[in-house]
Every structure is written in structure tokens, then in C-alpha cells.
């Protein structure tokens, strides 16, 4: 609600994005309930609703661009390992991310990123 009120107070736009790409955590129908509740509260969004799952091709294109620029690194550490500073050396080498339970803190703090020239 704070972001809605802030946008309105500053004559800004309030955009609505549905985070539905973490499929194990998606509850079927929850998005429709959320939309209904927002409308009942008088919270009207500006523009089209963005469902993250409908933008996967766009994300893949952007990922490919970043990879081409050398801006992507893989990490096989779990969020828990990263949060506890137990990230394995070399984890940023081209690996597949390990499946993890619910996030624990920030996904990739600066300490887990590769050191240039190392």
C-alpha cells in the first residue's frame, strides 16, 4: 500500500507486476485474489499487469546479451551457503545453480562475486 500511496502523492504511475516464475511457490488463483483485493481497496494500477511468466523470452534475450558482455557468472552455492559466507571458491565458474529452499537474505552479496583478475 505504501508504494501505491507514494506514487499517487508524487503524481507517479503505479505499475503492477505478478511474480509467478517461482513455480513451486505459486498458489493457483492467488493472483486473481490479490487483484480483487487491490480493487476492493480502491488501488488501481496504471497500465497493463505484468506477469513475469509471460516475459521469460525477454529475460532469456537479456541474459544472452549480458553473457555476451561477460557480465554473467554461475554459482552452485545455495542461498544459505552464500548468506553464511560459506560460498565455495570458484563457484562463479560456469556451473548450474543448485536448487534451494526459500531465500535466506540477499541472493548474491558482493562477497560472493568474482574478484577481477583473480
Protein backbone atom coordinates (compact mmCIF):
# COMPACT_ATOMS: atom_id res chain seq x y z
CA UNK A 1 0.00 0.00 0.00
CA UNK A 2 2.91 2.36 0.72
CA UNK A 3 4.14 2.22 -2.87
CA UNK A 4 0.63 2.99 -4.16
CA UNK A 5 0.24 5.97 -1.85
CA UNK A 6 3.73 7.23 -2.67
CA UNK A 7 3.08 7.02 -6.41
CA UNK A 8 -0.20 8.88 -6.07
CA UNK A 9 1.24 11.54 -3.73
CA UNK A 10 4.01 12.30 -6.25
CA UNK A 11 1.79 12.12 -9.35
CA UNK A 12 3.61 9.00 -10.46
CA UNK A 13 2.48 5.77 -12.02
CA UNK A 14 1.80 2.62 -10.03
CA UNK A 15 2.61 -0.50 -12.02
CA UNK A 16 1.54 -3.97 -11.03
CA UNK A 17 3.78 -6.98 -11.59
CA UNK A 18 2.81 -10.53 -10.64
CA UNK A 19 5.79 -12.63 -9.55
CA UNK A 20 4.82 -16.07 -10.84
CA UNK A 21 8.05 -17.65 -12.04
CA UNK A 22 8.96 -19.46 -8.82
CA UNK A 23 6.57 -22.26 -9.71
CA UNK A 24 6.99 -24.39 -6.56
CA UNK A 25 5.76 -21.42 -4.53
CA UNK A 26 2.97 -20.26 -6.86
CA UNK A 27 -0.51 -20.81 -5.44
CA UNK A 28 -3.03 -21.28 -8.27
CA UNK A 29 -5.59 -18.48 -8.25
CA UNK A 30 -3.71 -16.33 -5.73
CA UNK A 31 -3.01 -13.70 -8.38
CA UNK A 32 -6.73 -13.25 -9.05
CA UNK A 33 -7.44 -12.94 -5.33
CA UNK A 34 -4.72 -10.30 -5.00
CA UNK A 35 -6.12 -8.33 -7.95
CA UNK A 36 -9.61 -8.48 -6.48
CA UNK A 37 -8.40 -7.33 -3.06
CA UNK A 38 -6.45 -4.41 -4.56
CA UNK A 39 -9.54 -3.31 -6.45
CA UNK A 40 -11.71 -3.59 -3.32
CA UNK A 41 -9.25 -1.27 -1.56
CA UNK A 42 -9.53 1.24 -4.40
CA UNK A 43 -5.97 0.61 -5.51
CA UNK A 44 -5.98 0.98 -9.31
CA UNK A 45 -2.79 0.28 -11.22
CA UNK A 46 -1.60 2.20 -14.23
CA UNK A 47 -1.09 0.28 -17.46
CA UNK A 48 -1.22 -3.43 -18.11
CA UNK A 49 -0.48 -6.00 -15.43
CA UNK A 50 2.89 -7.66 -15.97
CA UNK A 51 3.02 -11.40 -15.29
CA UNK A 52 6.67 -12.39 -15.01
CA UNK A 53 5.97 -15.81 -16.58
CA UNK A 54 4.89 -14.09 -19.81
CA UNK A 55 8.26 -12.37 -20.12
CA UNK A 56 10.58 -15.40 -20.00
CA UNK A 57 11.67 -14.98 -23.64
CA UNK A 58 12.61 -11.35 -22.93
CA UNK A 59 14.60 -12.39 -19.87
CA UNK A 60 16.41 -15.05 -21.91
CA UNK A 61 17.35 -12.45 -24.55
CA UNK A 62 18.67 -10.03 -21.93
CA UNK A 63 20.56 -12.85 -20.19
CA UNK A 64 22.20 -13.74 -23.52
CA UNK A 65 23.24 -10.11 -24.04
CA UNK A 66 24.73 -9.88 -20.56
CA UNK A 67 26.52 -13.21 -21.04
CA UNK A 68 28.00 -11.98 -24.31
CA UNK A 69 29.31 -8.91 -22.42
CA UNK A 70 30.91 -11.12 -19.76
CA UNK A 71 28.54 -9.86 -17.08
CA UNK A 72 27.18 -13.29 -16.03
CA UNK A 73 28.71 -15.83 -13.71
CA UNK A 74 27.28 -19.06 -12.40
CA UNK A 75 27.24 -20.13 -8.78
CA UNK A 76 26.41 -23.58 -7.46
CA UNK A 77 26.21 -22.39 -3.85
CA UNK A 78 22.90 -22.43 -2.05
CA UNK A 79 21.49 -19.17 -0.72
CA UNK A 80 22.20 -20.47 2.77
CA UNK A 81 25.89 -21.03 1.94
CA UNK A 82 26.16 -17.57 0.47
CA UNK A 83 24.40 -15.97 3.44
CA UNK A 84 26.77 -17.68 5.86
CA UNK A 85 29.85 -16.73 3.79
CA UNK A 86 30.48 -20.41 3.03
CA UNK A 87 30.44 -19.93 -0.74
CA UNK A 88 32.90 -22.33 -2.36
CA UNK A 89 35.98 -20.92 -4.12
CA UNK A 90 35.49 -20.85 -7.86
CA UNK A 91 31.72 -21.01 -7.51
CA UNK A 92 31.31 -18.33 -10.16
CA UNK A 93 32.72 -20.58 -12.85
CA UNK A 94 30.20 -21.78 -15.39
CA UNK A 95 28.01 -24.04 -13.28
CA UNK A 96 24.32 -24.64 -12.84
CA UNK A 97 22.71 -23.03 -9.79
CA UNK A 98 21.69 -25.52 -7.14
CA UNK A 99 18.00 -25.71 -6.26
CA UNK A 100 17.38 -24.03 -2.94
CA UNK A 101 14.64 -23.68 -0.36
CA UNK A 102 13.08 -20.30 0.42
CA UNK A 103 15.62 -17.43 0.13
CA UNK A 104 17.81 -16.61 3.11
CA UNK A 105 18.94 -12.99 2.79
CA UNK A 106 20.27 -11.47 -0.41
CA UNK A 107 20.96 -13.97 -3.16
CA UNK A 108 24.45 -12.79 -4.13
CA UNK A 109 26.17 -10.30 -1.84
CA UNK A 110 29.32 -8.66 -3.15
CA UNK A 111 31.47 -11.13 -1.20
CA UNK A 112 30.30 -13.98 -3.46
CA UNK A 113 31.20 -12.25 -6.70
CA UNK A 114 34.43 -12.99 -8.54
CA UNK A 115 37.42 -10.75 -7.97
CA UNK A 116 38.57 -9.18 -11.27
CA UNK A 117 41.92 -10.59 -12.36
CA UNK A 118 41.85 -13.38 -9.75
